[in-house]
Amino acid sequence: MRCLALTAMLILGASSFEAALADPPPAAPPTSDAAAKHAKRTACLKDAKTRKLVGEDKKSYLKSCMAGT
């Protein structure tokens, strides 16, 4: 009887351990204002890099891009 109880405990323990190791659900997309601003800045920086802007040209481009014009 003890062997059966021990086996059941091992099986239940292993299944809960496997559940703990499972991949977490994917994160929800950012909805906050700060996250949107960060995404916009990242896109502007990527575009500035594509255009090979540096120095003052890059700075003014980022300013105008972040303003939305």
PDB file of N, CA and C in Angstrom:
ATOM      1  N   MET A   1       0.823  -1.187   0.000  1.00  0.00           N
ATOM      2  CA  MET A   1       0.000   0.000   0.000  1.00  0.00           C
ATOM      3  C   MET A   1       0.873   1.259   0.000  1.00  0.00           C
ATOM      4  N   ARG A   2       1.977   1.213   0.757  1.00  0.00           N
ATOM      5  CA  ARG A   2       2.865   2.363   0.805  1.00  0.00           C
ATOM      6  C   ARG A   2       3.504   2.603  -0.563  1.00  0.00           C
ATOM      7  N   CYS A   3       3.815   1.542  -1.255  1.00  0.00           N
ATOM      8  CA  CYS A   3       4.436   1.653  -2.571  1.00  0.00           C
ATOM      9  C   CYS A   3       3.494   2.355  -3.538  1.00  0.00           C
ATOM     10  N   LEU A   4       2.217   2.036  -3.467  1.00  0.00           N
ATOM     11  CA  LEU A   4       1.227   2.661  -4.337  1.00  0.00           C
ATOM     12  C   LEU A   4       1.103   4.153  -4.024  1.00  0.00           C
ATOM     13  N   ALA A   5       1.094   4.503  -2.748  1.00  0.00           N
ATOM     14  CA  ALA A   5       0.999   5.909  -2.351  1.00  0.00           C
ATOM     15  C   ALA A   5       2.253   6.670  -2.777  1.00  0.00           C
ATOM     16  N   LEU A   6       3.407   6.054  -2.628  1.00  0.00           N
ATOM     17  CA  LEU A   6       4.663   6.686  -3.025  1.00  0.00           C
ATOM     18  C   LEU A   6       4.705   6.899  -4.540  1.00  0.00           C
ATOM     19  N   THR A   7       4.250   5.918  -5.295  1.00  0.00           N
ATOM     20  CA  THR A   7       4.213   6.029  -6.752  1.00  0.00           C
ATOM     21  C   THR A   7       3.278   7.155  -7.175  1.00  0.00           C
ATOM     22  N   ALA A   8       2.134   7.257  -6.546  1.00  0.00           N
ATOM     23  CA  ALA A   8       1.175   8.315  -6.872  1.00  0.00           C
ATOM     24  C   ALA A   8       1.773   9.684  -6.569  1.00  0.00           C
ATOM     25  N   MET A   9       2.487   9.804  -5.463  1.00  0.00           N
ATOM     26  CA  MET A   9       3.103  11.078  -5.111  1.00  0.00           C
ATOM     27  C   MET A   9       4.183  11.464  -6.129  1.00  0.00           C
ATOM     28  N   LEU A  10       4.950  10.486  -6.575  1.00  0.00           N
ATOM     29  CA  LEU A  10       5.989  10.765  -7.560  1.00  0.00           C
ATOM     30  C   LEU A  10       5.394  11.200  -8.897  1.00  0.00           C
ATOM     31  N   ILE A  11       4.335  10.567  -9.318  1.00  0.00           N
ATOM     32  CA  ILE A  11       3.691  10.909 -10.592  1.00  0.00           C
ATOM     33  C   ILE A  11       3.092  12.314 -10.519  1.00  0.00           C
ATOM     34  N   LEU A  12       2.389  12.610  -9.434  1.00  0.00           N
ATOM     35  CA  LEU A  12       1.801  13.937  -9.284  1.00  0.00           C
ATOM     36  C   LEU A  12       2.877  15.007  -9.161  1.00  0.00           C
ATOM     37  N   GLY A  13       3.949  14.714  -8.472  1.00  0.00           N
ATOM     38  CA  GLY A  13       5.037  15.665  -8.332  1.00  0.00           C
ATOM     39  C   GLY A  13       5.721  15.941  -9.654  1.00  0.00           C
ATOM     40  N   ALA A  14       5.907  14.917 -10.469  1.00  0.00           N
ATOM     41  CA  ALA A  14       6.558  15.084 -11.769  1.00  0.00           C
ATOM     42  C   ALA A  14       5.689  15.904 -12.713  1.00  0.00           C
ATOM     43  N   SER A  15       4.382  15.672 -12.679  1.00  0.00           N
ATOM     44  CA  SER A  15       3.514  16.420 -13.590  1.00  0.00           C
ATOM     45  C   SER A  15       3.449  17.897 -13.205  1.00  0.00           C
ATOM     46  N   SER A  16       3.478  18.204 -11.904  1.00  0.00           N
ATOM     47  CA  SER A  16       3.469  19.613 -11.504  1.00  0.00           C
ATOM     48  C   SER A  16       4.810  20.265 -11.819  1.00  0.00           C
ATOM     49  N   PHE A  17       5.892  19.492 -11.757  1.00  0.00           N
ATOM     50  CA  PHE A  17       7.215  20.008 -12.110  1.00  0.00           C
ATOM     51  C   PHE A  17       7.273  20.317 -13.610  1.00  0.00           C
ATOM     52  N   GLU A  18       6.708  19.447 -14.443  1.00  0.00           N
ATOM     53  CA  GLU A  18       6.676  19.689 -15.887  1.00  0.00           C
ATOM     54  C   GLU A  18       5.843  20.925 -16.210  1.00  0.00           C
ATOM     55  N   ALA A  19       4.761  21.113 -15.489  1.00  0.00           N
ATOM     56  CA  ALA A  19       3.918  22.287 -15.722  1.00  0.00           C
ATOM     57  C   ALA A  19       4.671  23.564 -15.360  1.00  0.00           C
ATOM     58  N   ALA A  20       5.507  23.506 -14.346  1.00  0.00           N
ATOM     59  CA  ALA A  20       6.275  24.684 -13.945  1.00  0.00           C
ATOM     60  C   ALA A  20       7.335  25.028 -14.984  1.00  0.00           C
ATOM     61  N   LEU A  21       7.826  24.034 -15.707  1.00  0.00           N
ATOM     62  CA  LEU A  21       8.855  24.260 -16.721  1.00  0.00           C
ATOM     63  C   LEU A  21       8.278  24.656 -18.079  1.00  0.00           C
ATOM     64  N   ALA A  22       6.989  24.561 -18.246  1.00  0.00           N
ATOM     65  CA  ALA A  22       6.367  24.885 -19.534  1.00  0.00           C
ATOM     66  C   ALA A  22       6.596  26.350 -19.878  1.00  0.00           C
ATOM     67  N   ASP A  23       6.594  26.661 -21.170  1.00  0.00           N
ATOM     68  CA  ASP A  23       6.791  28.032 -21.621  1.00  0.00           C
ATOM     69  C   ASP A  23       5.672  28.926 -21.104  1.00  0.00           C
ATOM     70  N   PRO A  24       6.021  30.134 -20.648  1.00  0.00           N
ATOM     71  CA  PRO A  24       4.984  31.064 -20.180  1.00  0.00           C
ATOM     72  C   PRO A  24       4.187  31.576 -21.374  1.00  0.00           C
ATOM     73  N   PRO A  25       2.982  32.038 -21.152  1.00  0.00           N
ATOM     74  CA  PRO A  25       2.183  32.561 -22.265  1.00  0.00           C
ATOM     75  C   PRO A  25       2.848  33.807 -22.845  1.00  0.00           C
ATOM     76  N   PRO A  26       2.652  34.079 -24.124  1.00  0.00           N
ATOM     77  CA  PRO A  26       3.281  35.263 -24.719  1.00  0.00           C
ATOM     78  C   PRO A  26       2.776  36.540 -24.064  1.00  0.00           C
ATOM     79  N   ALA A  27       3.669  37.519 -23.983  1.00  0.00           N
ATOM     80  CA  ALA A  27       3.320  38.785 -23.349  1.00  0.00           C
ATOM     81  C   ALA A  27       2.314  39.546 -24.211  1.00  0.00           C
ATOM     82  N   ALA A  28       1.454  40.284 -23.552  1.00  0.00           N
ATOM     83  CA  ALA A  28       0.467  41.096 -24.259  1.00  0.00           C
ATOM     84  C   ALA A  28       1.179  42.264 -24.931  1.00  0.00           C
ATOM     85  N   PRO A  29       0.672  42.747 -26.049  1.00  0.00           N
ATOM     86  CA  PRO A  29       1.299  43.885 -26.713  1.00  0.00           C
ATOM     87  C   PRO A  29       1.240  45.127 -25.821  1.00  0.00           C
ATOM     88  N   PRO A  30       2.248  45.992 -25.916  1.00  0.00           N
ATOM     89  CA  PRO A  30       2.261  47.177 -25.055  1.00  0.00           C
ATOM     90  C   PRO A  30       1.089  48.101 -25.360  1.00  0.00           C
ATOM     91  N   THR A  31       0.451  48.581 -24.308  1.00  0.00           N
ATOM     92  CA  THR A  31      -0.694  49.462 -24.499  1.00  0.00           C
ATOM     93  C   THR A  31      -0.498  50.816 -23.833  1.00  0.00           C
ATOM     94  N   SER A  32       0.557  50.943 -23.037  1.00  0.00           N
ATOM     95  CA  SER A  32       0.741  52.198 -22.325  1.00  0.00           C
ATOM     96  C   SER A  32       1.302  53.271 -23.246  1.00  0.00           C
ATOM     97  N   ASP A  33       1.183  54.500 -22.817  1.00  0.00           N
ATOM     98  CA  ASP A  33       1.676  55.639 -23.573  1.00  0.00           C
ATOM     99  C   ASP A  33       3.197  55.592 -23.700  1.00  0.00           C
ATOM    100  N   ALA A  34       3.857  55.196 -22.621  1.00  0.00           N
ATOM    101  CA  ALA A  34       5.317  55.125 -22.637  1.00  0.00           C
ATOM    102  C   ALA A  34       5.797  54.070 -23.624  1.00  0.00           C
ATOM    103  N   ALA A  35       5.107  52.946 -23.683  1.00  0.00           N
ATOM    104  CA  ALA A  35       5.497  51.884 -24.604  1.00  0.00           C
ATOM    105  C   ALA A  35       5.296  52.327 -26.054  1.00  0.00           C
ATOM    106  N   ALA A  36       4.227  53.041 -26.311  1.00  0.00           N
ATOM    107  CA  ALA A  36       3.974  53.534 -27.664  1.00  0.00           C
ATOM    108  C   ALA A  36       5.030  54.557 -28.073  1.00  0.00           C
ATOM    109  N   LYS A  37       5.412  55.410 -27.131  1.00  0.00           N
ATOM    110  CA  LYS A  37       6.438  56.416 -27.407  1.00  0.00           C
ATOM    111  C   LYS A  37       7.783  55.737 -27.684  1.00  0.00           C
ATOM    112  N   HIS A  38       8.088  54.707 -26.920  1.00  0.00           N
ATOM    113  CA  HIS A  38       9.329  53.960 -27.116  1.00  0.00           C
ATOM    114  C   HIS A  38       9.344  53.285 -28.487  1.00  0.00           C
ATOM    115  N   ALA A  39       8.225  52.704 -28.874  1.00  0.00           N
ATOM    116  CA  ALA A  39       8.139  52.048 -30.173  1.00  0.00           C
ATOM    117  C   ALA A  39       8.305  53.060 -31.304  1.00  0.00           C
ATOM    118  N   LYS A  40       7.709  54.231 -31.145  1.00  0.00           N
ATOM    119  CA  LYS A  40       7.825  55.288 -32.158  1.00  0.00           C
ATOM    120  C   LYS A  40       9.279  55.748 -32.266  1.00  0.00           C
ATOM    121  N   ARG A  41       9.940  55.959 -31.127  1.00  0.00           N
ATOM    122  CA  ARG A  41      11.340  56.403 -31.135  1.00  0.00           C
ATOM    123  C   ARG A  41      12.233  55.337 -31.781  1.00  0.00           C
ATOM    124  N   THR A  42      11.981  54.087 -31.468  1.00  0.00           N
ATOM    125  CA  THR A  42      12.768  53.009 -32.052  1.00  0.00           C
ATOM    126  C   THR A  42      12.621  52.998 -33.569  1.00  0.00           C
ATOM    127  N   ALA A  43      11.396  53.184 -34.047  1.00  0.00           N
ATOM    128  CA  ALA A  43      11.163  53.220 -35.494  1.00  0.00           C
ATOM    129  C   ALA A  43      11.870  54.411 -36.121  1.00  0.00           C
ATOM    130  N   CYS A  44      11.829  55.565 -35.465  1.00  0.00           N
ATOM    131  CA  CYS A  44      12.501  56.762 -35.980  1.00  0.00           C
ATOM    132  C   CYS A  44      14.013  56.567 -36.018  1.00  0.00           C
ATOM    133  N   LEU A  45      14.577  55.961 -34.970  1.00  0.00           N
ATOM    134  CA  LEU A  45      16.013  55.700 -34.935  1.00  0.00           C
ATOM    135  C   LEU A  45      16.430  54.748 -36.048  1.00  0.00           C
ATOM    136  N   LYS A  46      15.619  53.728 -36.273  1.00  0.00           N
ATOM    137  CA  LYS A  46      15.913  52.767 -37.336  1.00  0.00           C
ATOM    138  C   LYS A  46      15.883  53.456 -38.698  1.00  0.00           C
ATOM    139  N   ASP A  47      14.911  54.327 -38.893  1.00  0.00           N
ATOM    140  CA  ASP A  47      14.801  55.058 -40.151  1.00  0.00           C
ATOM    141  C   ASP A  47      15.979  56.012 -40.327  1.00  0.00           C
ATOM    142  N   ALA A  48      16.405  56.669 -39.245  1.00  0.00           N
ATOM    143  CA  ALA A  48      17.548  57.573 -39.311  1.00  0.00           C
ATOM    144  C   ALA A  48      18.822  56.805 -39.665  1.00  0.00           C
ATOM    145  N   LYS A  49      18.935  55.603 -39.149  1.00  0.00           N
ATOM    146  CA  LYS A  49      20.102  54.774 -39.467  1.00  0.00           C
ATOM    147  C   LYS A  49      20.065  54.366 -40.938  1.00  0.00           C
ATOM    148  N   THR A  50      18.875  54.025 -41.438  1.00  0.00           N
ATOM    149  CA  THR A  50      18.723  53.656 -42.846  1.00  0.00           C
ATOM    150  C   THR A  50      19.116  54.819 -43.746  1.00  0.00           C
ATOM    151  N   ARG A  51      18.749  56.021 -43.337  1.00  0.00           N
ATOM    152  CA  ARG A  51      19.080  57.226 -44.113  1.00  0.00           C
ATOM    153  C   ARG A  51      20.515  57.695 -43.887  1.00  0.00           C
ATOM    154  N   LYS A  52      21.231  57.006 -42.984  1.00  0.00           N
ATOM    155  CA  LYS A  52      22.628  57.309 -42.664  1.00  0.00           C
ATOM    156  C   LYS A  52      22.807  58.741 -42.168  1.00  0.00           C
ATOM    157  N   LEU A  53      21.889  59.162 -41.298  1.00  0.00           N
ATOM    158  CA  LEU A  53      21.972  60.499 -40.714  1.00  0.00           C
ATOM    159  C   LEU A  53      22.867  60.461 -39.480  1.00  0.00           C
ATOM    160  N   VAL A  54      23.656  61.511 -39.304  1.00  0.00           N
ATOM    161  CA  VAL A  54      24.523  61.627 -38.128  1.00  0.00           C
ATOM    162  C   VAL A  54      24.507  63.064 -37.630  1.00  0.00           C
ATOM    163  N   GLY A  55      24.907  63.220 -36.377  1.00  0.00           N
ATOM    164  CA  GLY A  55      25.060  64.551 -35.800  1.00  0.00           C
ATOM    165  C   GLY A  55      23.775  65.349 -35.741  1.00  0.00           C
ATOM    166  N   GLU A  56      23.902  66.615 -36.143  1.00  0.00           N
ATOM    167  CA  GLU A  56      22.774  67.548 -36.067  1.00  0.00           C
ATOM    168  C   GLU A  56      21.631  67.140 -37.001  1.00  0.00           C
ATOM    169  N   ASP A  57      21.962  66.552 -38.142  1.00  0.00           N
ATOM    170  CA  ASP A  57      20.911  66.100 -39.066  1.00  0.00           C
ATOM    171  C   ASP A  57      20.054  65.005 -38.424  1.00  0.00           C
ATOM    172  N   LYS A  58      20.716  64.079 -37.738  1.00  0.00           N
ATOM    173  CA  LYS A  58      20.001  62.997 -37.059  1.00  0.00           C
ATOM    174  C   LYS A  58      19.120  63.557 -35.946  1.00  0.00           C
ATOM    175  N   LYS A  59      19.676  64.478 -35.187  1.00  0.00           N
ATOM    176  CA  LYS A  59      18.943  65.067 -34.061  1.00  0.00           C
ATOM    177  C   LYS A  59      17.681  65.783 -34.542  1.00  0.00           C
ATOM    178  N   SER A  60      17.804  66.585 -35.588  1.00  0.00           N
ATOM    179  CA  SER A  60      16.636  67.312 -36.093  1.00  0.00           C
ATOM    180  C   SER A  60      15.627  66.352 -36.737  1.00  0.00           C
ATOM    181  N   TYR A  61      16.133  65.315 -37.401  1.00  0.00           N
ATOM    182  CA  TYR A  61      15.221  64.332 -37.991  1.00  0.00           C
ATOM    183  C   TYR A  61      14.425  63.614 -36.897  1.00  0.00           C
ATOM    184  N   LEU A  62      15.102  63.201 -35.830  1.00  0.00           N
ATOM    185  CA  LEU A  62      14.408  62.512 -34.739  1.00  0.00           C
ATOM    186  C   LEU A  62      13.361  63.401 -34.095  1.00  0.00           C
ATOM    187  N   LYS A  63      13.690  64.661 -33.934  1.00  0.00           N
ATOM    188  CA  LYS A  63      12.731  65.619 -33.357  1.00  0.00           C
ATOM    189  C   LYS A  63      11.468  65.707 -34.217  1.00  0.00           C
ATOM    190  N   SER A  64      11.657  65.851 -35.523  1.00  0.00           N
ATOM    191  CA  SER A  64      10.504  65.970 -36.417  1.00  0.00           C
ATOM    192  C   SER A  64       9.742  64.652 -36.531  1.00  0.00           C
ATOM    193  N   CYS A  65      10.479  63.538 -36.520  1.00  0.00           N
ATOM    194  CA  CYS A  65       9.830  62.233 -36.624  1.00  0.00           C
ATOM    195  C   CYS A  65       8.985  61.949 -35.376  1.00  0.00           C
ATOM    196  N   MET A  66       9.520  62.277 -34.204  1.00  0.00           N
ATOM    197  CA  MET A  66       8.790  62.039 -32.960  1.00  0.00           C
ATOM    198  C   MET A  66       7.561  62.956 -32.862  1.00  0.00           C
ATOM    199  N   ALA A  67       7.642  64.128 -33.489  1.00  0.00           N
ATOM    200  CA  ALA A  67       6.504  65.054 -33.481  1.00  0.00           C
ATOM    201  C   ALA A  67       5.399  64.550 -34.404  1.00  0.00           C
ATOM    202  N   GLY A  68       5.744  63.654 -35.311  1.00  0.00           N
ATOM    203  CA  GLY A  68       4.739  63.092 -36.199  1.00  0.00           C
ATOM    204  C   GLY A  68       4.629  63.788 -37.533  1.00  0.00           C
ATOM    205  N   THR A  69       5.542  64.690 -37.857  1.00  0.00           N
ATOM    206  CA  THR A  69       5.476  65.368 -39.153  1.00  0.00           C
ATOM    207  C   THR A  69       6.399  64.728 -40.136  1.00  0.00           C
TER     208      THR A  69
END
